[in-house]
């Protein structure tokens, strides 16, 4: 889990509130892992923020993030040549699936880690991607997925109007496993569908965290073992049946 100060190579908007940052990182991360990002030492933003790996290629790390508060707002104002502190890769990522058809189910910024997973799994998957309105960061999914199915709550651009889990339910019986990341209600709905149809499901949680190494206990989640697991250390990827989404 090395820490380094890296130079930002690019940091541009891909939608009204979503940014794509690229920076140098020599070590290849595992799909589903994340980094803690920290502003330079003279910044008033002190705490690091967890950002999942969107892509890594030839020493270039790509991080897709949503601007939602003070920390990510500060990240969004960084420009090429500025410096960012990176600590990682952290957490346990996705295990590669057994042979068979796989579905990747993402909601909003939850699509971020699924692209790198699609790029690295042995066989092409089907991606189900859900948005509130205008889709973003779709450009490369088609190159690594057998098909890409898009929904939005607004029906933007003629895409399916509704929740991405409604699209998933139409085809769920065809898949051997589901890999999911997004808002908690969406992951809960996907997990319930998988339970109903007997399809194994794996979810990548997006809990808030402060340290990334299991010390602060900010990111704990209730699980089926009767204890609270640390999302940053035992996760962020869990089997869906291990997670109590209502806790």
Protein backbone atom coordinates (compact mmCIF):
# COMPACT_ATOMS: atom_id res chain seq x y z
CA UNK A 1 0.00 0.00 0.00
CA UNK A 2 2.49 2.65 -1.10
CA UNK A 3 1.87 6.38 -0.86
CA UNK A 4 3.12 8.71 -3.52
CA UNK A 5 2.67 12.24 -4.76
CA UNK A 6 1.68 12.02 -8.41
CA UNK A 7 1.36 14.57 -11.16
CA UNK A 8 -2.10 14.92 -12.67
CA UNK A 9 -2.09 14.24 -16.39
CA UNK A 10 -5.75 15.07 -17.06
CA UNK A 11 -8.82 16.04 -15.02
CA UNK A 12 -11.88 16.81 -17.11
CA UNK A 13 -15.65 16.72 -16.80
CA UNK A 14 -17.56 13.84 -18.43
CA UNK A 15 -20.95 15.15 -17.24
CA UNK A 16 -22.28 18.05 -15.20
CA UNK A 17 -21.01 16.59 -11.90
CA UNK A 18 -18.67 13.72 -12.85
CA UNK A 19 -14.94 14.06 -13.52
CA UNK A 20 -12.30 11.75 -14.96
CA UNK A 21 -8.80 12.14 -13.50
CA UNK A 22 -5.69 10.50 -14.92
CA UNK A 23 -2.38 10.28 -13.11
CA UNK A 24 0.75 8.16 -13.12
CA UNK A 25 0.83 4.94 -11.06
CA UNK A 26 3.26 2.15 -11.87
CA UNK A 27 1.70 -0.77 -9.96
CA UNK A 28 -1.25 -2.53 -11.61
CA UNK A 29 -4.26 -2.60 -9.24
CA UNK A 30 -6.86 -5.33 -9.06
CA UNK A 31 -10.36 -4.62 -10.38
CA UNK A 32 -12.54 -3.45 -7.49
CA UNK A 33 -9.73 -1.90 -5.46
CA UNK A 34 -9.61 1.79 -4.61
CA UNK A 35 -7.24 4.62 -3.70
CA UNK A 36 -7.35 7.22 -0.97
CA UNK A 37 -6.75 10.63 -2.58
CA UNK A 38 -5.35 13.52 -0.62
CA UNK A 39 -4.94 17.15 -1.62
CA UNK A 40 -1.48 18.79 -1.39
CA UNK A 41 -0.26 19.70 2.10
CA UNK A 42 -1.19 23.38 1.84
CA UNK A 43 -4.85 22.60 1.11
CA UNK A 44 -7.54 23.27 3.74
CA UNK A 45 -9.06 19.89 2.81
CA UNK A 46 -7.29 17.54 5.23
CA UNK A 47 -9.05 14.17 4.97
CA UNK A 48 -8.42 11.80 2.09
CA UNK A 49 -11.30 10.57 -0.07
CA UNK A 50 -11.77 7.01 -1.41
CA UNK A 51 -12.04 6.74 -5.20
CA UNK A 52 -12.38 3.41 -7.01
CA UNK A 53 -10.18 2.37 -9.92
CA UNK A 54 -11.90 3.08 -13.22
CA UNK A 55 -8.98 1.98 -15.39
CA UNK A 56 -5.25 1.31 -15.43
CA UNK A 57 -3.17 0.96 -18.57
CA UNK A 58 0.60 1.24 -19.09
CA UNK A 59 1.24 3.05 -15.84
CA UNK A 60 -1.71 5.46 -16.18
CA UNK A 61 -4.37 5.30 -13.46
CA UNK A 62 -7.87 6.59 -14.29
CA UNK A 63 -10.26 7.64 -11.53
CA UNK A 64 -13.90 8.48 -12.24
CA UNK A 65 -15.52 10.46 -9.42
CA UNK A 66 -18.62 12.48 -8.68
CA UNK A 67 -18.34 16.00 -7.30
CA UNK A 68 -20.50 15.92 -4.18
CA UNK A 69 -18.75 17.91 -1.47
CA UNK A 70 -15.73 19.88 -0.33
CA UNK A 71 -13.13 17.19 -1.00
CA UNK A 72 -14.24 16.10 -4.46
CA UNK A 73 -14.93 19.74 -5.27
CA UNK A 74 -11.26 20.50 -4.52
CA UNK A 75 -10.19 17.57 -6.72
CA UNK A 76 -12.31 18.93 -9.58
CA UNK A 77 -10.35 22.19 -9.58
CA UNK A 78 -6.98 20.51 -10.06
CA UNK A 79 -5.36 20.90 -13.45
CA UNK A 80 -2.73 18.95 -15.44
CA UNK A 81 0.62 19.43 -13.76
CA UNK A 82 -0.88 19.81 -10.28
CA UNK A 83 -0.02 17.21 -7.63
CA UNK A 84 -2.26 14.72 -5.82
CA UNK A 85 -1.44 12.31 -3.00
CA UNK A 86 -2.34 8.67 -3.71
CA UNK A 87 -2.41 5.80 -1.22
CA UNK A 88 -3.21 2.34 -2.52
CA UNK A 89 -4.30 0.17 -4.10
CA UNK A 90 -6.51 -0.69 -1.11
CA UNK A 91 -9.19 -3.25 -0.29
CA UNK A 92 -10.11 -6.63 -1.68
CA UNK A 93 -11.32 -6.39 -5.25
CA UNK A 94 -13.40 -8.65 -7.47
CA UNK A 95 -12.50 -12.29 -7.90
CA UNK A 96 -12.67 -13.35 -11.51
CA UNK A 97 -15.87 -15.26 -12.21
CA UNK A 98 -16.23 -18.91 -13.11
CA UNK A 99 -16.88 -19.66 -16.80
CA UNK A 100 -20.36 -18.65 -17.86
CA UNK A 101 -22.34 -15.53 -18.70
CA UNK A 102 -21.70 -12.63 -16.34
CA UNK A 103 -23.71 -9.44 -15.82
CA UNK A 104 -22.21 -6.17 -14.62
CA UNK A 105 -24.82 -3.95 -12.99
CA UNK A 106 -23.96 -0.33 -12.25
CA UNK A 107 -25.91 2.67 -11.06
CA UNK A 108 -24.66 6.25 -11.46
CA UNK A 109 -21.08 6.68 -10.30
CA UNK A 110 -21.20 2.98 -9.37
CA UNK A 111 -20.31 2.21 -12.96
CA UNK A 112 -16.76 3.43 -12.22
CA UNK A 113 -15.16 0.15 -11.06
CA UNK A 114 -17.14 -2.00 -13.51
CA UNK A 115 -15.29 -0.77 -16.58
CA UNK A 116 -11.93 -2.01 -15.27
CA UNK A 117 -13.59 -5.29 -14.30
CA UNK A 118 -15.09 -5.67 -17.80
CA UNK A 119 -11.65 -5.06 -19.27
CA UNK A 120 -9.98 -7.77 -17.18
CA UNK A 121 -12.42 -10.68 -16.84
CA UNK A 122 -11.65 -13.71 -19.03
CA UNK A 123 -14.87 -13.54 -21.09
CA UNK A 124 -17.04 -10.68 -22.26
CA UNK A 125 -19.89 -9.71 -19.95
CA UNK A 126 -23.21 -7.96 -20.44
CA UNK A 127 -23.34 -4.52 -18.85
CA UNK A 128 -26.53 -3.07 -17.36
CA UNK A 129 -25.93 0.61 -16.60
CA UNK A 130 -28.47 2.84 -14.91
CA UNK A 131 -28.58 6.63 -14.63
CA UNK A 132 -30.93 9.29 -13.32
CA UNK A 133 -30.81 11.16 -16.61
CA UNK A 134 -27.97 11.61 -19.10
CA UNK A 135 -25.55 8.64 -19.32
CA UNK A 136 -21.80 9.25 -18.95
CA UNK A 137 -18.53 7.34 -19.42
CA UNK A 138 -20.02 4.81 -21.82
CA UNK A 139 -17.53 5.16 -24.64
CA UNK A 140 -15.34 2.14 -23.93
CA UNK A 141 -17.73 -0.38 -22.38
CA UNK A 142 -18.74 -1.70 -25.79
CA UNK A 143 -15.19 -2.77 -26.57
CA UNK A 144 -15.08 -5.15 -23.60
CA UNK A 145 -18.73 -6.15 -23.17
CA UNK A 146 -20.86 -8.46 -25.26
CA UNK A 147 -23.65 -5.90 -25.03
CA UNK A 148 -24.43 -2.72 -23.09
CA UNK A 149 -27.97 -2.02 -21.90
CA UNK A 150 -28.80 1.44 -20.59
CA UNK A 151 -31.64 2.74 -18.47
CA UNK A 152 -32.43 6.13 -17.04
CA UNK A 153 -35.14 7.31 -14.70
CA UNK A 154 -35.95 10.10 -17.18
CA UNK A 155 -35.81 8.00 -20.36
CA UNK A 156 -33.07 10.33 -21.65
CA UNK A 157 -32.14 9.83 -25.29
CA UNK A 158 -34.70 7.08 -25.85
CA UNK A 159 -33.07 4.66 -23.41
CA UNK A 160 -35.21 2.39 -21.27
CA UNK A 161 -37.16 4.52 -18.82
CA UNK A 162 -36.99 3.02 -15.36
CA UNK A 163 -34.57 1.35 -12.99
CA UNK A 164 -31.63 -0.72 -14.18
CA UNK A 165 -32.84 -3.66 -12.07
CA UNK A 166 -35.98 -3.78 -14.23
CA UNK A 167 -33.75 -4.36 -17.25
CA UNK A 168 -31.77 -6.96 -15.34
CA UNK A 169 -34.85 -8.94 -14.31
CA UNK A 170 -35.77 -9.52 -17.95
CA UNK A 171 -32.58 -11.53 -18.51
CA UNK A 172 -31.31 -12.56 -15.11
CA UNK A 173 -31.87 -16.26 -15.68
CA UNK A 174 -29.22 -16.27 -18.40
CA UNK A 175 -26.36 -15.34 -16.05
CA UNK A 176 -24.08 -17.38 -13.83
CA UNK A 177 -23.17 -14.42 -11.61
CA UNK A 178 -23.88 -10.71 -11.12
CA UNK A 179 -21.30 -8.06 -10.18
CA UNK A 180 -22.88 -4.86 -8.91
CA UNK A 181 -21.98 -1.36 -7.70
CA UNK A 182 -24.14 1.68 -7.13
CA UNK A 183 -26.60 3.27 -4.70
CA UNK A 184 -27.62 1.06 -1.78
CA UNK A 185 -31.30 0.75 -2.85
CA UNK A 186 -30.20 -0.42 -6.30
CA UNK A 187 -27.77 -2.99 -4.90
CA UNK A 188 -30.40 -4.22 -2.47
CA UNK A 189 -32.89 -4.66 -5.32
CA UNK A 190 -30.30 -6.48 -7.43
CA UNK A 191 -29.39 -8.75 -4.51
CA UNK A 192 -33.05 -9.60 -3.93
CA UNK A 193 -33.48 -10.45 -7.62
CA UNK A 194 -30.42 -12.70 -7.52
CA UNK A 195 -31.74 -14.42 -4.40
CA UNK A 196 -35.11 -14.96 -6.08
CA UNK A 197 -33.57 -16.53 -9.18
CA UNK A 198 -30.68 -18.31 -7.47
CA UNK A 199 -27.91 -16.33 -9.16
CA UNK A 200 -24.75 -15.55 -7.14
CA UNK A 201 -24.25 -11.82 -6.64
CA UNK A 202 -21.24 -9.75 -5.59
CA UNK A 203 -21.59 -6.13 -4.52
CA UNK A 204 -19.00 -3.38 -4.22
CA UNK A 205 -19.97 -1.05 -1.37
CA UNK A 206 -19.41 2.70 -1.49
CA UNK A 207 -19.40 3.46 2.25
CA UNK A 208 -17.78 6.65 3.49
CA UNK A 209 -14.34 6.13 5.02
CA UNK A 210 -11.55 8.21 6.52
CA UNK A 211 -8.44 6.03 6.66
CA UNK A 212 -8.79 3.20 4.13
CA UNK A 213 -6.94 0.67 6.30
CA UNK A 214 -9.54 -0.42 8.86
CA UNK A 215 -8.43 1.77 11.75
CA UNK A 216 -11.11 4.45 11.96
CA UNK A 217 -14.18 2.13 11.74
CA UNK A 218 -16.08 4.78 9.80
CA UNK A 219 -16.97 2.43 6.94
CA UNK A 220 -18.29 -0.60 8.82
CA UNK A 221 -21.29 -2.49 7.48
CA UNK A 222 -23.51 -5.11 9.14
CA UNK A 223 -23.15 -8.60 7.76
CA UNK A 224 -24.62 -12.07 8.11
CA UNK A 225 -21.96 -13.23 10.57
CA UNK A 226 -23.47 -10.97 13.24
CA UNK A 227 -20.58 -8.52 13.28
CA UNK A 228 -19.65 -5.33 11.48
CA UNK A 229 -17.18 -5.74 8.63
CA UNK A 230 -14.83 -2.96 7.60
CA UNK A 231 -15.63 -2.04 4.01
CA UNK A 232 -12.10 -0.78 3.35
CA UNK A 233 -10.35 -3.89 4.66
CA UNK A 234 -12.70 -6.89 4.32
CA UNK A 235 -14.34 -5.28 1.28
CA UNK A 236 -15.29 -3.26 -0.61
CA UNK A 237 -16.51 -6.35 -2.52
CA UNK A 238 -18.77 -8.78 -0.64
CA UNK A 239 -21.10 -11.59 -1.57
CA UNK A 240 -24.54 -10.01 -1.59
CA UNK A 241 -25.94 -12.41 1.01
CA UNK A 242 -23.28 -11.27 3.48
CA UNK A 243 -24.59 -7.70 3.57
CA UNK A 244 -27.53 -6.35 5.56
CA UNK A 245 -28.54 -3.46 3.31
CA UNK A 246 -31.09 -2.11 5.80
CA UNK A 247 -28.71 -1.93 8.77
